[in-house]
Amino acid sequence: MKDLSQQPIIFTGKLNSLTRLQAQQLAAMLGAFPQTNMNQKIKYVIVGQIEQSMFEILTTKKIKYAETHSVEILNESEFLKWCIWRLQQKNSF
C-alpha cells in the first residue's frame, strides 16, 4: 500500500463514496496534503469515475500530466484503503 502521509495529492474525476471536498478534508485529517491545482510537487493523483462522451478517451488533464511526469495514479478504492489503514494506525496509539 502506498502511504500518502505527508505527500501532496490531488483528486480528479467523480468520486463515488465522497464529495471532492469530503475526500480532501479526510485526506488532510489523515496526514496527506491535498492540493487543488496540479503542480510539480504532486506525488499522487487519486482518480474517481471519468465521464466523457462516447467517442472520447477516458482521461483528464491531471491524468495526462501524471502519465508524462511519473506521478503515481491511484484509484478511489486504493485511497479508501489508505484511509482505513491510517485510521487504524491513529486508533492504535
Protein backbone atom coordinates (compact mmCIF):
# COMPACT_ATOMS: atom_id res chain seq x y z
CA MET A 1 0.00 0.00 0.00
CA LYS A 2 1.23 3.47 -0.84
CA ASP A 3 1.49 5.76 2.17
CA LEU A 4 0.00 9.14 1.28
CA SER A 5 1.04 10.65 4.63
CA GLN A 6 2.96 13.90 4.23
CA GLN A 7 2.50 13.65 0.44
CA PRO A 8 0.91 16.24 -1.89
CA ILE A 9 -2.09 14.60 -3.59
CA ILE A 10 -4.81 15.72 -5.97
CA PHE A 11 -8.19 14.29 -6.95
CA THR A 12 -9.68 14.02 -10.41
CA GLY A 13 -12.95 12.55 -11.65
CA LYS A 14 -16.18 11.98 -9.73
CA LEU A 15 -15.73 10.06 -6.51
CA ASN A 16 -18.46 7.54 -5.71
CA SER A 17 -18.16 7.43 -1.93
CA LEU A 18 -17.39 11.04 -1.01
CA THR A 19 -17.62 14.51 -2.43
CA ARG A 20 -14.32 16.01 -3.54
CA LEU A 21 -14.36 18.37 -0.54
CA GLN A 22 -15.02 15.50 1.88
CA ALA A 23 -12.17 13.49 0.34
CA GLN A 24 -9.80 16.46 0.62
CA GLN A 25 -10.79 17.04 4.25
CA LEU A 26 -10.42 13.36 5.11
CA ALA A 27 -7.02 13.17 3.40
CA ALA A 28 -5.81 16.24 5.29
CA MET A 29 -7.12 14.90 8.59
CA LEU A 30 -5.19 11.67 7.99
CA GLY A 31 -1.93 13.40 7.11
CA ALA A 32 -1.87 13.87 3.32
CA PHE A 33 -1.55 17.29 1.69
CA PRO A 34 -4.48 17.64 -0.74
CA GLN A 35 -3.96 20.20 -3.49
CA THR A 36 -6.49 21.90 -5.74
CA ASN A 37 -4.18 22.63 -8.68
CA MET A 38 -1.79 20.30 -10.48
CA ASN A 39 1.84 21.22 -9.92
CA GLN A 40 5.30 19.70 -9.88
CA LYS A 41 5.07 18.81 -6.18
CA ILE A 42 2.13 16.41 -6.62
CA LYS A 43 3.13 12.82 -5.83
CA TYR A 44 -0.23 11.05 -6.28
CA VAL A 45 -3.35 11.58 -8.40
CA ILE A 46 -6.45 9.93 -6.96
CA VAL A 47 -8.82 9.07 -9.81
CA GLY A 48 -12.56 8.68 -9.49
CA GLN A 49 -15.05 8.00 -12.27
CA ILE A 50 -14.20 9.78 -15.53
CA GLU A 51 -17.16 10.73 -17.69
CA GLN A 52 -16.69 11.55 -21.36
CA SER A 53 -18.85 11.38 -24.46
CA MET A 54 -18.93 8.05 -26.30
CA PHE A 55 -16.02 8.69 -28.66
CA GLU A 56 -13.66 10.49 -26.28
CA ILE A 57 -10.80 8.84 -24.39
CA LEU A 58 -11.46 8.44 -20.66
CA THR A 59 -8.81 10.77 -19.27
CA THR A 60 -8.33 14.19 -17.71
CA LYS A 61 -5.59 16.80 -17.87
CA LYS A 62 -4.42 15.68 -14.43
CA ILE A 63 -4.12 12.06 -15.56
CA LYS A 64 -2.25 13.09 -18.71
CA TYR A 65 0.13 15.19 -16.62
CA ALA A 66 0.67 12.30 -14.20
CA GLU A 67 1.43 9.88 -17.02
CA THR A 68 4.01 12.17 -18.60
CA HIS A 69 5.66 13.28 -15.31
CA SER A 70 5.95 9.96 -13.45
CA VAL A 71 3.29 10.89 -10.91
CA GLU A 72 1.67 7.84 -9.37
CA ILE A 73 -2.03 7.25 -10.13
CA LEU A 74 -4.29 5.59 -7.55
CA ASN A 75 -7.98 4.77 -7.82
CA GLU A 76 -10.66 5.67 -5.29
CA SER A 77 -10.59 2.20 -3.75
CA GLU A 78 -6.84 2.45 -3.07
CA PHE A 79 -7.38 5.87 -1.47
CA LEU A 80 -10.12 4.48 0.79
CA LYS A 81 -7.93 1.54 1.82
CA TRP A 82 -5.23 4.02 2.80
CA CYS A 83 -7.80 5.99 4.82
CA ILE A 84 -8.83 2.86 6.73
CA TRP A 85 -5.18 1.92 7.31
CA ARG A 86 -4.41 5.42 8.65
CA LEU A 87 -7.46 5.38 10.92
CA GLN A 88 -6.34 2.04 12.33
CA GLN A 89 -2.86 3.48 12.93
CA LYS A 90 -4.27 6.53 14.69
CA ASN A 91 -6.51 4.36 16.90
CA SER A 92 -3.64 2.11 17.94
CA PHE A 93 -1.81 4.98 19.70
